[in-house]
Every structure is written in C-alpha cells, then in structure tokens.
Amino acid sequence: MVKTIDTKDDDMRIATAAMTAFGLVLSGCGQSDTPAKTPTAQDTQIAAAAPTPSPITRMAPPPTTKSVGPAERRAAAAREEIGTAADVSQLQALPDQNAKVFSLSGGDPAVNGLVTYFALFGGPAEGWRAYPLGDYAEWKVVEARAGRVVLAVRQDAAGPNGDILKVERTVQIDFPPSGETPPDAVSVSTSQ
C-alpha cells in the first residue's frame, strides 16, 4: 500500500511547533510577579567573601640553563665493574653490626623472587663478604644485635590444587660479633 504525504499537514505541524517554542522563549522575558529582594547584611558578607576572579596568565618557558662545565660522554658500566649492584631490589643496612641484609631480583617474580643475602663488612681492603640465605617473597629485619640478626620471611609454595600457599618463617643468622675479618661461614637457622 502506498501512502501519500500531505505536505500541507507537515507544514502546519512545523509552524505550530515553531510558534510554541517562540512563545516559551518570550514568556521567560517578561517581568516577574514576585517583588525584588532587597540585599541583607548576610548577602553583603557572602558577596564580600566570594573570591575575586583573576585573569589566567601563562608563564614564559624557563630559559635554557647554561652548562656548569664541559660535558663528558659516559658509557654504561660493564657488568663485571658493578657486579650485581643494579639487581639489588631491597636493602636493610645494620651499621651497629657492620652488616646488611639485601636481596637481588632474580628468582621467579611470581613466587619467591627475592634472592636474599646477609653480608658482613671486612674493612676497606676486603670489602663485603656475602652469605646466601634463601629465596623469599618478602622479608623484614625484626631483631639486630651483636652477633645475631633475625628476619621474618614469607615464602610462597604451590599448594596441592595449584594455588599459592604463603608460609611465614623466621630466619636467624648468628655470627661472631668480633668486628674483625668476617668468618668463612655464618650459622643460619630457619623455623618451620
């Protein structure tokens, strides 16, 4: 079935809609029937407390700083020169014991990614002697006194269903507190 379009009806609808819209606009332009409000002391205080708008100014870009001296090009250090210093991800200095506990990023990042060491300083000639402690998900020094350092550690392990089990343990490190040359080995005990 073919429907004929009566353009006369469409023109009338459009004209009616336009006049209605125009009437609504004009109705908002007339005077209000409510009397004008006289300002009160409170209105004056609110107006006085309002912030004064200020124009936005753009700062000029800072001038290029002058070089403080001749520049030198420096290549990245060879791994042999810095050892594994760039891999250190956590460090706890223990200056009273001439010791430190530190971790290298290197284990499985999802499970026990902190390969952790205890180190004693042997003086400028010998440097640091490091003793491996284990791989942990996280650790914290909870006690540090002459000849003993205790860590609270968390190790993650795969459970029987493939889920990750979080196991908290205590690691105790005992060493001679003499302050002389570090020993060849330290005693490390772990709670179960």
N, C-alpha and C. Protein backbone atom coordinates (compact mmCIF):
# COMPACT_ATOMS: atom_id res chain seq x y z
N MET A 1 0.84 -1.16 0.00
CA MET A 1 0.00 0.00 0.00
C MET A 1 0.90 1.23 0.00
N VAL A 2 0.54 2.18 -0.79
CA VAL A 2 1.31 3.40 -0.92
C VAL A 2 0.60 4.49 -0.15
N LYS A 3 1.36 5.17 0.69
CA LYS A 3 0.79 6.26 1.49
C LYS A 3 1.22 7.58 0.87
N THR A 4 0.28 8.46 0.69
CA THR A 4 0.62 9.75 0.13
C THR A 4 0.94 10.71 1.26
N ILE A 5 1.87 11.57 1.01
CA ILE A 5 2.31 12.52 2.02
C ILE A 5 1.62 13.84 1.75
N ASP A 6 0.93 14.33 2.74
CA ASP A 6 0.25 15.61 2.62
C ASP A 6 1.18 16.67 3.16
N THR A 7 1.80 17.43 2.29
CA THR A 7 2.77 18.42 2.71
C THR A 7 2.13 19.57 3.45
N LYS A 8 0.85 19.82 3.19
CA LYS A 8 0.15 20.91 3.88
C LYS A 8 0.08 20.62 5.38
N ASP A 9 -0.22 19.36 5.77
CA ASP A 9 -0.27 18.98 7.19
C ASP A 9 1.11 19.08 7.84
N ASP A 10 2.14 18.66 7.12
CA ASP A 10 3.51 18.72 7.66
C ASP A 10 3.93 20.16 7.89
N ASP A 11 3.61 21.05 6.95
CA ASP A 11 3.97 22.46 7.10
C ASP A 11 3.25 23.07 8.30
N MET A 12 2.00 22.67 8.51
CA MET A 12 1.23 23.19 9.64
C MET A 12 1.82 22.72 10.97
N ARG A 13 2.26 21.46 11.03
CA ARG A 13 2.87 20.93 12.27
C ARG A 13 4.17 21.67 12.58
N ILE A 14 4.97 21.91 11.57
CA ILE A 14 6.24 22.61 11.77
C ILE A 14 6.00 24.03 12.24
N ALA A 15 5.03 24.72 11.63
CA ALA A 15 4.72 26.10 12.01
C ALA A 15 4.20 26.15 13.44
N THR A 16 3.37 25.20 13.84
CA THR A 16 2.82 25.17 15.19
C THR A 16 3.94 24.94 16.22
N ALA A 17 4.85 24.02 15.92
CA ALA A 17 5.98 23.74 16.83
C ALA A 17 6.87 24.96 16.97
N ALA A 18 7.12 25.67 15.87
CA ALA A 18 7.98 26.86 15.92
C ALA A 18 7.34 27.95 16.74
N MET A 19 6.03 28.17 16.57
CA MET A 19 5.36 29.22 17.34
C MET A 19 5.31 28.87 18.82
N THR A 20 5.13 27.59 19.16
CA THR A 20 5.11 27.17 20.56
C THR A 20 6.47 27.43 21.20
N ALA A 21 7.53 27.07 20.50
CA ALA A 21 8.87 27.31 21.02
C ALA A 21 9.14 28.79 21.19
N PHE A 22 8.74 29.60 20.21
CA PHE A 22 8.93 31.03 20.27
C PHE A 22 8.16 31.62 21.45
N GLY A 23 6.94 31.15 21.69
CA GLY A 23 6.13 31.62 22.81
C GLY A 23 6.77 31.29 24.14
N LEU A 24 7.35 30.10 24.25
CA LEU A 24 8.02 29.72 25.50
C LEU A 24 9.22 30.61 25.78
N VAL A 25 9.95 30.93 24.73
CA VAL A 25 11.12 31.80 24.89
C VAL A 25 10.68 33.18 25.35
N LEU A 26 9.64 33.74 24.72
CA LEU A 26 9.19 35.08 25.08
C LEU A 26 8.58 35.12 26.47
N SER A 27 7.99 34.03 26.93
CA SER A 27 7.36 34.04 28.25
C SER A 27 8.40 34.20 29.35
N GLY A 28 9.61 33.80 29.10
CA GLY A 28 10.68 33.95 30.10
C GLY A 28 11.25 35.34 30.11
N CYS A 29 10.87 36.22 29.16
CA CYS A 29 11.46 37.55 29.06
C CYS A 29 10.66 38.60 29.81
N GLY A 30 9.47 38.29 30.24
CA GLY A 30 8.63 39.29 30.89
C GLY A 30 9.07 39.55 32.32
N GLN A 31 8.41 40.52 32.97
CA GLN A 31 8.73 40.85 34.34
C GLN A 31 8.16 39.80 35.27
N SER A 32 8.81 39.60 36.37
CA SER A 32 8.38 38.63 37.36
C SER A 32 7.28 39.21 38.22
N ASP A 33 6.38 38.37 38.68
CA ASP A 33 5.32 38.82 39.57
C ASP A 33 5.80 38.97 41.01
N THR A 34 6.92 38.34 41.37
CA THR A 34 7.42 38.42 42.74
C THR A 34 8.22 39.70 42.90
N PRO A 35 8.09 40.36 44.07
CA PRO A 35 8.83 41.62 44.27
C PRO A 35 10.34 41.35 44.37
N ALA A 36 11.11 42.35 44.00
CA ALA A 36 12.56 42.23 44.05
C ALA A 36 13.01 42.17 45.51
N LYS A 37 14.04 41.37 45.77
CA LYS A 37 14.57 41.19 47.12
C LYS A 37 15.57 42.29 47.41
N THR A 38 15.49 42.85 48.59
CA THR A 38 16.46 43.87 48.97
C THR A 38 17.64 43.17 49.61
N PRO A 39 18.87 43.62 49.33
CA PRO A 39 20.04 42.96 49.89
C PRO A 39 20.08 43.10 51.41
N THR A 40 20.49 42.00 52.07
CA THR A 40 20.62 42.00 53.53
C THR A 40 22.10 42.04 53.89
N ALA A 41 22.38 42.17 55.17
CA ALA A 41 23.77 42.18 55.63
C ALA A 41 24.45 40.85 55.33
N GLN A 42 23.69 39.75 55.45
CA GLN A 42 24.26 38.44 55.16
C GLN A 42 24.64 38.33 53.69
N ASP A 43 23.78 38.85 52.79
CA ASP A 43 24.09 38.82 51.36
C ASP A 43 25.36 39.61 51.07
N THR A 44 25.54 40.73 51.76
CA THR A 44 26.73 41.56 51.57
C THR A 44 27.98 40.82 52.03
N GLN A 45 27.87 40.10 53.17
CA GLN A 45 29.03 39.34 53.67
C GLN A 45 29.38 38.21 52.73
N ILE A 46 28.38 37.52 52.19
CA ILE A 46 28.65 36.43 51.26
C ILE A 46 29.33 36.97 50.01
N ALA A 47 28.85 38.11 49.51
CA ALA A 47 29.45 38.71 48.32
C ALA A 47 30.88 39.14 48.59
N ALA A 48 31.13 39.65 49.81
CA ALA A 48 32.49 40.10 50.15
C ALA A 48 33.43 38.91 50.28
N ALA A 49 32.91 37.73 50.71
CA ALA A 49 33.76 36.56 50.91
C ALA A 49 34.03 35.82 49.61
N ALA A 50 33.27 36.11 48.57
CA ALA A 50 33.47 35.42 47.30
C ALA A 50 34.83 35.79 46.73
N PRO A 51 35.54 34.83 46.16
CA PRO A 51 36.86 35.15 45.61
C PRO A 51 36.74 36.06 44.40
N THR A 52 37.71 36.91 44.28
CA THR A 52 37.75 37.82 43.15
C THR A 52 38.40 37.09 41.99
N PRO A 53 37.73 37.03 40.86
CA PRO A 53 38.34 36.33 39.72
C PRO A 53 39.57 37.09 39.24
N SER A 54 40.57 36.35 38.86
CA SER A 54 41.78 36.97 38.32
C SER A 54 42.08 36.34 36.97
N PRO A 55 42.68 37.12 36.10
CA PRO A 55 42.96 36.58 34.77
C PRO A 55 44.03 35.49 34.85
N ILE A 56 43.94 34.51 33.97
CA ILE A 56 44.94 33.44 33.89
C ILE A 56 46.10 33.96 33.08
N THR A 57 47.27 33.84 33.66
CA THR A 57 48.46 34.27 32.93
C THR A 57 49.32 33.05 32.66
N ARG A 58 49.92 33.02 31.54
CA ARG A 58 50.81 31.91 31.18
C ARG A 58 52.24 32.34 31.47
N MET A 59 52.93 31.43 32.17
CA MET A 59 54.33 31.73 32.47
C MET A 59 55.17 31.49 31.23
N ALA A 60 56.18 32.28 31.10
CA ALA A 60 57.11 32.10 29.99
C ALA A 60 57.91 30.83 30.27
N PRO A 61 58.26 30.07 29.25
CA PRO A 61 59.07 28.88 29.49
C PRO A 61 60.40 29.28 30.11
N PRO A 62 60.91 28.42 31.05
CA PRO A 62 62.17 28.79 31.69
C PRO A 62 63.29 28.84 30.66
N PRO A 63 64.22 29.74 30.89
CA PRO A 63 65.34 29.83 29.94
C PRO A 63 66.17 28.55 30.02
N THR A 64 66.80 28.19 28.93
CA THR A 64 67.67 27.03 28.92
C THR A 64 68.83 27.30 29.86
N THR A 65 69.05 26.35 30.79
CA THR A 65 70.14 26.56 31.74
C THR A 65 71.48 26.37 31.05
N LYS A 66 72.41 27.12 31.52
CA LYS A 66 73.75 27.03 30.95
C LYS A 66 74.48 25.86 31.57
N SER A 67 75.34 25.26 30.84
CA SER A 67 76.14 24.14 31.32
C SER A 67 77.04 24.60 32.46
N VAL A 68 77.20 23.77 33.47
CA VAL A 68 78.07 24.13 34.59
C VAL A 68 79.52 23.79 34.31
N GLY A 69 79.76 23.13 33.23
CA GLY A 69 81.12 22.77 32.86
C GLY A 69 81.08 21.93 31.60
N PRO A 70 82.22 21.54 31.12
CA PRO A 70 82.23 20.72 29.91
C PRO A 70 81.59 19.35 30.18
N ALA A 71 80.79 18.89 29.26
CA ALA A 71 80.12 17.59 29.42
C ALA A 71 81.04 16.47 28.99
N GLU A 72 80.88 15.32 29.66
CA GLU A 72 81.64 14.13 29.30
C GLU A 72 80.65 13.04 28.91
N ARG A 73 80.96 12.31 27.89
CA ARG A 73 80.12 11.18 27.49
C ARG A 73 80.58 9.97 28.28
N ARG A 74 79.62 9.31 28.96
CA ARG A 74 79.95 8.15 29.78
C ARG A 74 79.14 6.95 29.33
N ALA A 75 79.82 5.90 28.98
CA ALA A 75 79.15 4.66 28.54
C ALA A 75 78.68 3.90 29.78
N ALA A 76 77.73 3.02 29.57
CA ALA A 76 77.23 2.17 30.67
C ALA A 76 78.38 1.31 31.20
N ALA A 77 78.39 1.12 32.51
CA ALA A 77 79.44 0.32 33.14
C ALA A 77 79.26 -1.14 32.77
N ALA A 78 80.37 -1.82 32.60
CA ALA A 78 80.33 -3.26 32.32
C ALA A 78 79.84 -3.99 33.56
N ARG A 79 79.15 -5.08 33.36
CA ARG A 79 78.58 -5.85 34.47
C ARG A 79 79.67 -6.27 35.46
N GLU A 80 80.84 -6.58 34.97
CA GLU A 80 81.93 -7.01 35.85
C GLU A 80 82.37 -5.87 36.78
N GLU A 81 82.22 -4.62 36.33
CA GLU A 81 82.63 -3.48 37.14
C GLU A 81 81.69 -3.22 38.31
N ILE A 82 80.42 -3.50 38.13
CA ILE A 82 79.47 -3.20 39.20
C ILE A 82 78.91 -4.44 39.87
N GLY A 83 79.33 -5.62 39.42
CA GLY A 83 78.80 -6.85 40.00
C GLY A 83 77.31 -6.92 39.76
N THR A 84 76.57 -7.19 40.79
CA THR A 84 75.12 -7.30 40.65
C THR A 84 74.44 -6.12 41.33
N ALA A 85 75.13 -5.01 41.50
CA ALA A 85 74.57 -3.86 42.20
C ALA A 85 73.27 -3.38 41.56
N ALA A 86 73.17 -3.44 40.24
CA ALA A 86 71.96 -2.98 39.58
C ALA A 86 70.78 -3.90 39.86
N ASP A 87 71.03 -5.12 40.32
CA ASP A 87 69.96 -6.07 40.61
C ASP A 87 69.41 -5.95 42.03
N VAL A 88 70.04 -5.15 42.89
CA VAL A 88 69.58 -5.03 44.28
C VAL A 88 68.19 -4.41 44.30
N SER A 89 67.26 -5.12 44.94
CA SER A 89 65.89 -4.61 44.98
C SER A 89 65.43 -4.27 46.39
N GLN A 90 66.13 -4.77 47.40
CA GLN A 90 65.79 -4.44 48.78
C GLN A 90 67.07 -4.49 49.60
N LEU A 91 67.20 -3.54 50.54
CA LEU A 91 68.42 -3.44 51.34
C LEU A 91 68.08 -2.94 52.73
N GLN A 92 68.63 -3.59 53.74
CA GLN A 92 68.50 -3.12 55.12
C GLN A 92 69.91 -3.05 55.70
N ALA A 93 70.40 -1.83 55.91
CA ALA A 93 71.71 -1.64 56.50
C ALA A 93 71.64 -1.85 58.01
N LEU A 94 72.65 -2.47 58.56
CA LEU A 94 72.75 -2.71 60.00
C LEU A 94 74.11 -2.17 60.47
N PRO A 95 74.24 -0.86 60.56
CA PRO A 95 75.55 -0.26 60.83
C PRO A 95 76.15 -0.65 62.19
N ASP A 96 75.33 -0.93 63.19
CA ASP A 96 75.87 -1.33 64.50
C ASP A 96 76.57 -2.68 64.45
N GLN A 97 76.21 -3.53 63.50
CA GLN A 97 76.84 -4.84 63.35
C GLN A 97 77.82 -4.87 62.18
N ASN A 98 78.01 -3.73 61.51
CA ASN A 98 78.85 -3.70 60.31
C ASN A 98 78.33 -4.73 59.30
N ALA A 99 77.00 -4.77 59.17
CA ALA A 99 76.37 -5.79 58.34
C ALA A 99 75.22 -5.19 57.54
N LYS A 100 74.68 -6.00 56.64
CA LYS A 100 73.48 -5.63 55.89
C LYS A 100 72.81 -6.90 55.39
N VAL A 101 71.51 -6.77 55.15
CA VAL A 101 70.73 -7.83 54.50
C VAL A 101 70.24 -7.21 53.20
N PHE A 102 70.37 -7.96 52.10
CA PHE A 102 69.93 -7.41 50.82
C PHE A 102 69.40 -8.52 49.93
N SER A 103 68.59 -8.11 48.97
CA SER A 103 68.02 -9.06 48.01
C SER A 103 68.32 -8.60 46.61
N LEU A 104 68.52 -9.60 45.76
CA LEU A 104 68.68 -9.36 44.33
C LEU A 104 67.43 -9.86 43.63
N SER A 105 66.99 -9.11 42.65
CA SER A 105 65.88 -9.59 41.84
C SER A 105 66.45 -10.69 40.96
N GLY A 106 65.88 -11.85 41.04
CA GLY A 106 66.45 -12.91 40.22
C GLY A 106 65.67 -14.20 40.27
N GLY A 107 64.92 -14.41 41.33
CA GLY A 107 64.12 -15.63 41.39
C GLY A 107 62.89 -15.46 40.52
N ASP A 108 61.98 -16.40 40.65
CA ASP A 108 60.72 -16.33 39.92
C ASP A 108 59.96 -15.11 40.45
N PRO A 109 59.64 -14.12 39.60
CA PRO A 109 58.97 -12.92 40.11
C PRO A 109 57.60 -13.19 40.70
N ALA A 110 56.96 -14.30 40.33
CA ALA A 110 55.65 -14.61 40.88
C ALA A 110 55.75 -15.32 42.22
N VAL A 111 56.82 -16.08 42.44
CA VAL A 111 56.98 -16.84 43.67
C VAL A 111 58.43 -16.72 44.15
N ASN A 112 58.63 -16.14 45.33
CA ASN A 112 59.95 -16.06 45.96
C ASN A 112 60.99 -15.41 45.05
N GLY A 113 60.71 -14.21 44.58
CA GLY A 113 61.59 -13.53 43.64
C GLY A 113 62.75 -12.79 44.27
N LEU A 114 62.88 -12.79 45.60
CA LEU A 114 63.97 -12.08 46.26
C LEU A 114 65.05 -13.06 46.70
N VAL A 115 66.15 -13.10 45.97
CA VAL A 115 67.29 -13.94 46.31
C VAL A 115 68.05 -13.15 47.37
N THR A 116 68.01 -13.63 48.63
CA THR A 116 68.41 -12.81 49.77
C THR A 116 69.75 -13.26 50.37
N TYR A 117 70.54 -12.25 50.79
CA TYR A 117 71.88 -12.47 51.35
C TYR A 117 72.04 -11.68 52.64
N PHE A 118 72.95 -12.17 53.48
CA PHE A 118 73.42 -11.45 54.66
C PHE A 118 74.88 -11.14 54.37
N ALA A 119 75.35 -9.93 54.69
CA ALA A 119 76.73 -9.57 54.39
C ALA A 119 77.37 -8.88 55.59
N LEU A 120 78.65 -9.16 55.78
CA LEU A 120 79.46 -8.53 56.83
C LEU A 120 80.59 -7.77 56.15
N PHE A 121 80.91 -6.60 56.70
CA PHE A 121 81.96 -5.76 56.13
C PHE A 121 83.29 -6.14 56.73
N GLY A 122 84.26 -6.41 55.86
CA GLY A 122 85.59 -6.82 56.31
C GLY A 122 86.61 -5.71 56.24
N GLY A 123 86.19 -4.47 56.12
CA GLY A 123 87.13 -3.36 56.03
C GLY A 123 87.37 -2.97 54.59
N PRO A 124 88.05 -1.84 54.40
CA PRO A 124 88.27 -1.33 53.04
C PRO A 124 89.05 -2.28 52.15
N ALA A 125 89.99 -3.02 52.73
CA ALA A 125 90.82 -3.91 51.92
C ALA A 125 90.03 -5.12 51.43
N GLU A 126 89.20 -5.69 52.29
CA GLU A 126 88.45 -6.90 51.91
C GLU A 126 87.08 -6.59 51.33
N GLY A 127 86.42 -5.56 51.82
CA GLY A 127 85.09 -5.24 51.35
C GLY A 127 84.03 -6.11 52.03
N TRP A 128 82.96 -6.39 51.33
CA TRP A 128 81.84 -7.15 51.89
C TRP A 128 81.97 -8.64 51.59
N ARG A 129 81.63 -9.46 52.57
CA ARG A 129 81.53 -10.90 52.38
C ARG A 129 80.05 -11.26 52.54
N ALA A 130 79.46 -11.84 51.49
CA ALA A 130 78.03 -12.13 51.47
C ALA A 130 77.76 -13.62 51.65
N TYR A 131 76.71 -13.91 52.42
CA TYR A 131 76.31 -15.29 52.72
C TYR A 131 74.87 -15.49 52.23
N PRO A 132 74.62 -16.50 51.41
CA PRO A 132 73.25 -16.71 50.89
C PRO A 132 72.31 -17.17 52.01
N LEU A 133 71.08 -16.62 52.01
CA LEU A 133 70.08 -17.01 52.99
C LEU A 133 68.97 -17.85 52.37
N GLY A 134 68.49 -17.44 51.20
CA GLY A 134 67.42 -18.17 50.54
C GLY A 134 66.61 -17.26 49.64
N ASP A 135 65.61 -17.85 49.01
CA ASP A 135 64.72 -17.10 48.12
C ASP A 135 63.40 -16.88 48.84
N TYR A 136 62.98 -15.62 48.94
CA TYR A 136 61.77 -15.27 49.69
C TYR A 136 60.87 -14.38 48.85
N ALA A 137 59.58 -14.40 49.20
CA ALA A 137 58.63 -13.49 48.57
C ALA A 137 58.78 -12.10 49.20
N GLU A 138 59.02 -12.08 50.51
CA GLU A 138 59.30 -10.82 51.22
C GLU A 138 59.99 -11.14 52.53
N TRP A 139 60.70 -10.12 53.07
CA TRP A 139 61.39 -10.29 54.34
C TRP A 139 61.49 -8.95 55.05
N LYS A 140 61.74 -9.05 56.37
CA LYS A 140 61.90 -7.85 57.18
C LYS A 140 62.79 -8.20 58.37
N VAL A 141 63.73 -7.31 58.71
CA VAL A 141 64.58 -7.50 59.88
C VAL A 141 63.74 -7.19 61.12
N VAL A 142 63.64 -8.17 62.04
CA VAL A 142 62.85 -7.97 63.26
C VAL A 142 63.73 -7.88 64.50
N GLU A 143 64.99 -8.29 64.38
CA GLU A 143 65.93 -8.17 65.51
C GLU A 143 67.34 -8.04 64.95
N ALA A 144 68.11 -7.14 65.55
CA ALA A 144 69.50 -6.97 65.16
C ALA A 144 70.28 -6.59 66.41
N ARG A 145 71.15 -7.50 66.83
CA ARG A 145 72.01 -7.22 67.98
C ARG A 145 73.36 -7.87 67.73
N ALA A 146 74.31 -7.61 68.57
CA ALA A 146 75.67 -8.12 68.38
C ALA A 146 75.66 -9.63 68.18
N GLY A 147 76.12 -10.07 67.03
CA GLY A 147 76.25 -11.50 66.76
C GLY A 147 74.97 -12.19 66.29
N ARG A 148 73.86 -11.47 66.18
CA ARG A 148 72.62 -12.12 65.75
C ARG A 148 71.73 -11.13 64.99
N VAL A 149 71.15 -11.62 63.89
CA VAL A 149 70.15 -10.89 63.12
C VAL A 149 69.01 -11.87 62.85
N VAL A 150 67.78 -11.42 63.08
CA VAL A 150 66.61 -12.27 62.87
C VAL A 150 65.70 -11.61 61.83
N LEU A 151 65.25 -12.42 60.88
CA LEU A 151 64.36 -11.95 59.82
C LEU A 151 63.01 -12.65 59.93
N ALA A 152 61.95 -11.92 59.66
CA ALA A 152 60.63 -12.52 59.43
C ALA A 152 60.51 -12.61 57.92
N VAL A 153 60.29 -13.82 57.40
CA VAL A 153 60.24 -14.01 55.96
C VAL A 153 58.93 -14.66 55.56
N ARG A 154 58.58 -14.47 54.31
CA ARG A 154 57.44 -15.19 53.74
C ARG A 154 57.93 -15.89 52.50
N GLN A 155 57.67 -17.19 52.46
CA GLN A 155 57.97 -17.98 51.27
C GLN A 155 56.66 -18.47 50.69
N ASP A 156 56.55 -18.44 49.39
CA ASP A 156 55.37 -18.93 48.70
C ASP A 156 55.68 -20.30 48.12
N ALA A 157 54.69 -21.18 48.19
CA ALA A 157 54.85 -22.53 47.64
C ALA A 157 53.55 -22.90 46.92
N ALA A 158 53.68 -23.79 45.95
CA ALA A 158 52.50 -24.25 45.23
C ALA A 158 51.75 -25.25 46.09
N GLY A 159 50.45 -25.05 46.24
CA GLY A 159 49.61 -25.96 47.00
C GLY A 159 49.19 -27.15 46.17
N PRO A 160 48.50 -28.12 46.79
CA PRO A 160 48.10 -29.34 46.07
C PRO A 160 47.12 -29.07 44.92
N ASN A 161 46.38 -27.96 44.99
CA ASN A 161 45.42 -27.63 43.94
C ASN A 161 45.98 -26.62 42.95
N GLY A 162 47.27 -26.33 43.05
CA GLY A 162 47.89 -25.35 42.16
C GLY A 162 47.81 -23.93 42.69
N ASP A 163 47.20 -23.73 43.85
CA ASP A 163 47.11 -22.40 44.43
C ASP A 163 48.41 -22.07 45.15
N ILE A 164 48.63 -20.80 45.43
CA ILE A 164 49.86 -20.36 46.10
C ILE A 164 49.62 -20.33 47.61
N LEU A 165 50.46 -21.06 48.35
CA LEU A 165 50.39 -21.07 49.82
C LEU A 165 51.46 -20.12 50.34
N LYS A 166 51.08 -19.25 51.25
CA LYS A 166 52.01 -18.30 51.86
C LYS A 166 52.46 -18.87 53.21
N VAL A 167 53.76 -19.11 53.33
CA VAL A 167 54.32 -19.70 54.55
C VAL A 167 55.23 -18.67 55.21
N GLU A 168 54.91 -18.33 56.46
CA GLU A 168 55.75 -17.37 57.19
C GLU A 168 56.71 -18.12 58.08
N ARG A 169 57.96 -17.66 58.06
CA ARG A 169 59.02 -18.31 58.84
C ARG A 169 59.89 -17.24 59.49
N THR A 170 60.76 -17.72 60.38
CA THR A 170 61.77 -16.87 60.99
C THR A 170 63.13 -17.41 60.60
N VAL A 171 64.01 -16.52 60.17
CA VAL A 171 65.38 -16.90 59.83
C VAL A 171 66.31 -16.20 60.81
N GLN A 172 67.14 -16.99 61.49
CA GLN A 172 68.08 -16.45 62.47
C GLN A 172 69.50 -16.64 61.97
N ILE A 173 70.26 -15.55 61.95
CA ILE A 173 71.64 -15.59 61.50
C ILE A 173 72.53 -15.28 62.70
N ASP A 174 73.44 -16.20 63.03
CA ASP A 174 74.39 -16.00 64.12
C ASP A 174 75.79 -15.92 63.54
N PHE A 175 76.58 -14.97 64.07
CA PHE A 175 77.93 -14.74 63.56
C PHE A 175 78.78 -14.18 64.70
N PRO A 176 80.10 -14.34 64.61
CA PRO A 176 80.96 -13.80 65.67
C PRO A 176 80.91 -12.27 65.66
N PRO A 177 80.63 -11.66 66.81
CA PRO A 177 80.50 -10.20 66.87
C PRO A 177 81.82 -9.46 67.01
N SER A 178 82.91 -10.09 66.66
CA SER A 178 84.22 -9.50 66.90
C SER A 178 84.49 -8.24 66.11
N GLY A 179 83.89 -8.10 64.93
CA GLY A 179 84.14 -6.91 64.12
C GLY A 179 85.41 -7.02 63.32
N GLU A 180 86.12 -8.14 63.45
CA GLU A 180 87.34 -8.33 62.67
C GLU A 180 86.97 -8.90 61.30
N THR A 181 87.88 -9.62 60.72
CA THR A 181 87.62 -10.21 59.41
C THR A 181 86.38 -11.11 59.48
N PRO A 182 85.46 -10.96 58.56
CA PRO A 182 84.26 -11.79 58.59
C PRO A 182 84.61 -13.28 58.47
N PRO A 183 83.83 -14.13 59.09
CA PRO A 183 84.11 -15.57 59.05
C PRO A 183 83.84 -16.14 57.65
N ASP A 184 84.34 -17.34 57.42
CA ASP A 184 84.08 -18.01 56.15
C ASP A 184 82.62 -18.45 56.03
N ALA A 185 81.96 -18.66 57.18
CA ALA A 185 80.57 -19.09 57.18
C ALA A 185 79.85 -18.51 58.40
N VAL A 186 78.55 -18.35 58.30
CA VAL A 186 77.71 -17.94 59.42
C VAL A 186 76.69 -19.05 59.65
N SER A 187 76.07 -19.05 60.84
CA SER A 187 75.07 -20.06 61.17
C SER A 187 73.70 -19.50 60.82
N VAL A 188 72.93 -20.22 59.99
CA VAL A 188 71.60 -19.79 59.58
C VAL A 188 70.60 -20.88 59.96
N SER A 189 69.63 -20.53 60.79
CA SER A 189 68.59 -21.50 61.16
C SER A 189 67.25 -20.92 60.78
N THR A 190 66.34 -21.81 60.32
CA THR A 190 65.03 -21.39 59.87
C THR A 190 63.96 -22.14 60.64
N SER A 191 62.96 -21.43 61.15
CA SER A 191 61.85 -22.08 61.85
C SER A 191 60.93 -22.72 60.83
N GLN A 192 60.20 -23.72 61.27
CA GLN A 192 59.26 -24.41 60.34
C GLN A 192 57.86 -23.95 60.55
